[in-house]
Amino acid sequence: MSDSIPDSYVVRPIRADEWPAVKELRLVALQDPAAPVAFLETYEKALTHPDSFWQERAAGSSKADGGARQFIAEAADGTWVGSVVVLIEEAGTDDWAGFPVERDQGHVVGVFVRPEWRGGGVTKGLFEAAVEWAWGRGVEAVRLIVHEDNPRAQGFYRKAGFVPTGKTVPLPGNEGEIELEFVLEKA
């Protein structure tokens, strides 16, 4: 972490009225050099979303008992320095890729930490909050999907206790590219 950036931050869930900050941080994330292998959405596509899209996204991921929860890391000056979203996938439904969900599980998506804050524990704090919330919702496991060409993220996920399952998911719109499933089982 840079010497000019304070290392104090708090991890907390977002509020529905914070949609402008949700939008701003997502747009920053989509401009990151790793964005093409980290996110399914492009910066250009995200710019076309009306404010109502961001308002609905924030409202949907701000409820403690909802199907999704977004956590942010907030610096002492109020800057959002990182984010993670965890979705609840229920057994008997299909996931985003059309595969059947076999058990109640959390699905971590949208992981991002501003570059100047990486390496200082922010991602770990975000993951702890997301996983704890998912366990509290009664899931049996928490999973995530990571691009095969994103070794930095894969390394962090392994350190956080996630293990590859061997399941692969074809990347929509990118012929021949795959994503790998990692899972953290409830102890």
Protein backbone atom coordinates (compact mmCIF):
# COMPACT_ATOMS: atom_id res chain seq x y z
CA MET A 1 0.00 0.00 0.00
CA SER A 2 1.21 3.48 -0.80
CA ASP A 3 2.62 5.57 2.04
CA SER A 4 0.22 8.37 1.08
CA ILE A 5 -2.87 6.18 1.61
CA PRO A 6 -3.97 5.58 5.21
CA ASP A 7 -4.38 1.91 6.05
CA SER A 8 -7.55 2.32 8.09
CA TYR A 9 -10.83 1.23 6.59
CA VAL A 10 -14.08 -0.40 7.60
CA VAL A 11 -15.97 -3.14 5.79
CA ARG A 12 -19.73 -2.74 5.76
CA PRO A 13 -22.79 -3.50 3.63
CA ILE A 14 -24.01 -0.82 1.27
CA ARG A 15 -27.24 1.14 1.69
CA ALA A 16 -29.77 1.53 -1.14
CA ASP A 17 -29.28 5.31 -1.26
CA GLU A 18 -25.58 4.85 -2.03
CA TRP A 19 -26.25 3.90 -5.65
CA PRO A 20 -24.09 6.76 -7.04
CA ALA A 21 -21.08 5.35 -5.19
CA VAL A 22 -21.96 1.80 -6.35
CA LYS A 23 -21.96 3.10 -9.93
CA GLU A 24 -18.72 5.06 -9.51
CA LEU A 25 -16.77 2.15 -8.02
CA ARG A 26 -18.07 -0.28 -10.66
CA LEU A 27 -16.97 2.07 -13.44
CA VAL A 28 -13.51 2.35 -11.85
CA ALA A 29 -13.33 -1.46 -11.60
CA LEU A 30 -14.26 -1.89 -15.25
CA GLN A 31 -11.34 0.35 -16.25
CA ASP A 32 -8.80 -1.76 -14.34
CA PRO A 33 -6.26 -3.56 -16.57
CA ALA A 34 -7.53 -6.91 -15.19
CA ALA A 35 -11.18 -6.10 -16.04
CA PRO A 36 -11.30 -8.14 -19.28
CA VAL A 37 -10.60 -11.36 -17.33
CA ALA A 38 -12.28 -10.30 -14.08
CA PHE A 39 -15.72 -9.08 -15.15
CA LEU A 40 -18.33 -10.19 -17.69
CA GLU A 41 -19.34 -6.58 -18.33
CA THR A 42 -17.37 -3.87 -20.15
CA TYR A 43 -16.92 -0.25 -19.14
CA GLU A 44 -18.63 0.84 -22.35
CA LYS A 45 -21.69 -1.32 -21.61
CA ALA A 46 -21.89 -0.10 -18.00
CA LEU A 47 -21.93 3.52 -19.19
CA THR A 48 -25.20 2.84 -21.05
CA HIS A 49 -27.11 1.85 -17.90
CA PRO A 50 -29.61 4.47 -16.73
CA ASP A 51 -29.61 5.64 -13.11
CA SER A 52 -32.60 3.36 -12.47
CA PHE A 53 -30.35 0.36 -13.18
CA TRP A 54 -27.85 1.46 -10.49
CA GLN A 55 -30.66 2.31 -8.06
CA GLU A 56 -32.17 -1.18 -8.48
CA ARG A 57 -28.75 -2.82 -8.18
CA ALA A 58 -28.01 -0.99 -4.93
CA ALA A 59 -31.48 -1.63 -3.51
CA GLY A 60 -31.26 -5.33 -4.37
CA SER A 61 -27.89 -5.82 -2.70
CA SER A 62 -28.47 -3.71 0.40
CA LYS A 63 -30.97 -5.87 2.26
CA ALA A 64 -29.69 -8.22 4.97
CA ASP A 65 -32.32 -10.82 4.10
CA GLY A 66 -32.19 -10.42 0.30
CA GLY A 67 -30.79 -12.65 -2.39
CA ALA A 68 -27.62 -10.59 -2.73
CA ARG A 69 -25.46 -8.45 -0.47
CA GLN A 70 -22.74 -5.99 -1.46
CA PHE A 71 -19.97 -5.16 0.98
CA ILE A 72 -17.59 -2.26 0.57
CA ALA A 73 -14.35 -1.28 2.22
CA GLU A 74 -14.53 2.39 3.12
CA ALA A 75 -11.47 4.49 3.95
CA ALA A 76 -11.48 6.94 6.83
CA ASP A 77 -12.10 9.79 4.35
CA GLY A 78 -15.24 8.07 2.98
CA THR A 79 -13.63 6.77 -0.22
CA TRP A 80 -14.83 3.33 -1.27
CA VAL A 81 -11.63 1.37 -1.83
CA GLY A 82 -13.06 -2.07 -2.57
CA SER A 83 -16.17 -4.13 -3.02
CA VAL A 84 -17.51 -7.65 -3.21
CA VAL A 85 -21.00 -9.02 -3.86
CA VAL A 86 -22.30 -12.38 -2.72
CA LEU A 87 -25.40 -13.88 -4.32
CA ILE A 88 -27.53 -16.61 -2.78
CA GLU A 89 -28.18 -19.49 -5.19
CA GLU A 90 -30.93 -21.87 -4.15
CA ALA A 91 -30.95 -25.60 -4.82
CA GLY A 92 -33.21 -26.49 -7.72
CA THR A 93 -32.62 -23.26 -9.65
CA ASP A 94 -30.20 -22.52 -12.49
CA ASP A 95 -27.14 -20.29 -12.07
CA TRP A 96 -26.17 -17.36 -14.32
CA ALA A 97 -24.58 -19.75 -16.84
CA GLY A 98 -27.64 -22.00 -17.01
CA PHE A 99 -26.19 -24.82 -14.90
CA PRO A 100 -28.41 -26.43 -12.24
CA VAL A 101 -27.72 -25.40 -8.64
CA GLU A 102 -27.54 -28.58 -6.57
CA ARG A 103 -27.45 -27.05 -3.07
CA ASP A 104 -27.99 -23.76 -1.33
CA GLN A 105 -24.80 -21.80 -1.84
CA GLY A 106 -23.30 -18.35 -1.95
CA HIS A 107 -21.68 -17.07 -5.14
CA VAL A 108 -19.04 -14.35 -4.82
CA VAL A 109 -18.94 -11.88 -7.74
CA GLY A 110 -17.71 -8.39 -8.52
CA VAL A 111 -14.50 -8.53 -6.47
CA PHE A 112 -12.50 -5.31 -6.80
CA VAL A 113 -9.98 -3.36 -4.74
CA ARG A 114 -8.42 -0.12 -5.97
CA PRO A 115 -4.80 -0.79 -6.99
CA GLU A 116 -3.29 1.49 -4.35
CA TRP A 117 -5.09 -0.50 -1.64
CA ARG A 118 -4.11 -3.99 -2.80
CA GLY A 119 -1.91 -6.11 -0.59
CA GLY A 120 -3.05 -4.53 2.68
CA GLY A 121 -5.78 -6.94 3.72
CA VAL A 122 -8.77 -5.16 2.15
CA THR A 123 -9.74 -8.14 -0.03
CA LYS A 124 -9.44 -10.46 2.94
CA GLY A 125 -11.73 -8.22 5.00
CA LEU A 126 -14.29 -8.05 2.19
CA PHE A 127 -14.28 -11.83 1.77
CA GLU A 128 -14.66 -12.43 5.50
CA ALA A 129 -17.76 -10.22 5.59
CA ALA A 130 -19.27 -11.78 2.46
CA VAL A 131 -18.68 -15.36 3.55
CA GLU A 132 -19.94 -14.70 7.08
CA TRP A 133 -23.15 -13.21 5.65
CA ALA A 134 -23.60 -16.22 3.35
CA TRP A 135 -23.10 -18.66 6.25
CA GLY A 136 -25.71 -16.70 8.18
CA ARG A 137 -28.14 -17.27 5.31
CA GLY A 138 -27.76 -21.03 5.80
CA VAL A 139 -25.76 -21.94 2.70
CA GLU A 140 -23.68 -25.11 2.56
CA ALA A 141 -20.83 -23.63 0.51
CA VAL A 142 -19.63 -20.42 -1.10
CA ARG A 143 -18.30 -20.50 -4.63
CA LEU A 144 -16.82 -18.20 -7.20
CA ILE A 145 -15.84 -18.37 -10.83
CA VAL A 146 -12.45 -17.04 -11.94
CA HIS A 147 -10.93 -16.70 -15.42
CA GLU A 148 -8.26 -19.25 -16.24
CA ASP A 149 -5.87 -16.38 -17.08
CA ASN A 150 -6.23 -14.56 -13.76
CA PRO A 151 -3.52 -16.15 -11.58
CA ARG A 152 -3.38 -13.25 -9.09
CA ALA A 153 -7.05 -13.73 -8.19
CA GLN A 154 -6.68 -17.53 -8.13
CA GLY A 155 -3.79 -17.18 -5.68
CA PHE A 156 -5.82 -15.02 -3.32
CA TYR A 157 -8.82 -17.36 -3.48
CA ARG A 158 -6.62 -20.32 -2.56
CA LYS A 159 -5.19 -18.37 0.40
CA ALA A 160 -8.76 -17.59 1.50
CA GLY A 161 -9.53 -21.33 1.61
CA PHE A 162 -11.31 -21.75 -1.71
CA VAL A 163 -10.33 -24.84 -3.70
CA PRO A 164 -10.79 -25.61 -7.40
CA THR A 165 -13.58 -28.10 -8.05
CA GLY A 166 -12.49 -29.06 -11.57
CA LYS A 167 -15.71 -27.60 -12.99
CA THR A 168 -15.20 -25.19 -15.87
CA VAL A 169 -17.57 -22.68 -17.38
CA PRO A 170 -17.22 -21.45 -20.98
CA LEU A 171 -16.85 -17.69 -21.12
CA PRO A 172 -19.81 -16.19 -23.01
CA GLY A 173 -18.71 -14.35 -26.14
CA ASN A 174 -15.07 -15.47 -25.87
CA GLU A 175 -14.72 -18.71 -27.80
CA GLY A 176 -12.23 -21.11 -26.23
CA GLU A 177 -11.80 -19.21 -22.97
CA ILE A 178 -12.96 -20.76 -19.71
CA GLU A 179 -13.53 -19.86 -16.11
CA LEU A 180 -12.76 -22.14 -13.19
CA GLU A 181 -15.02 -22.82 -10.23
CA PHE A 182 -13.54 -22.54 -6.71
CA VAL A 183 -15.52 -23.52 -3.60
CA LEU A 184 -15.26 -22.95 0.15
CA GLU A 185 -17.18 -25.61 2.06
CA LYS A 186 -18.84 -24.74 5.36
CA ALA A 187 -16.86 -26.23 8.21
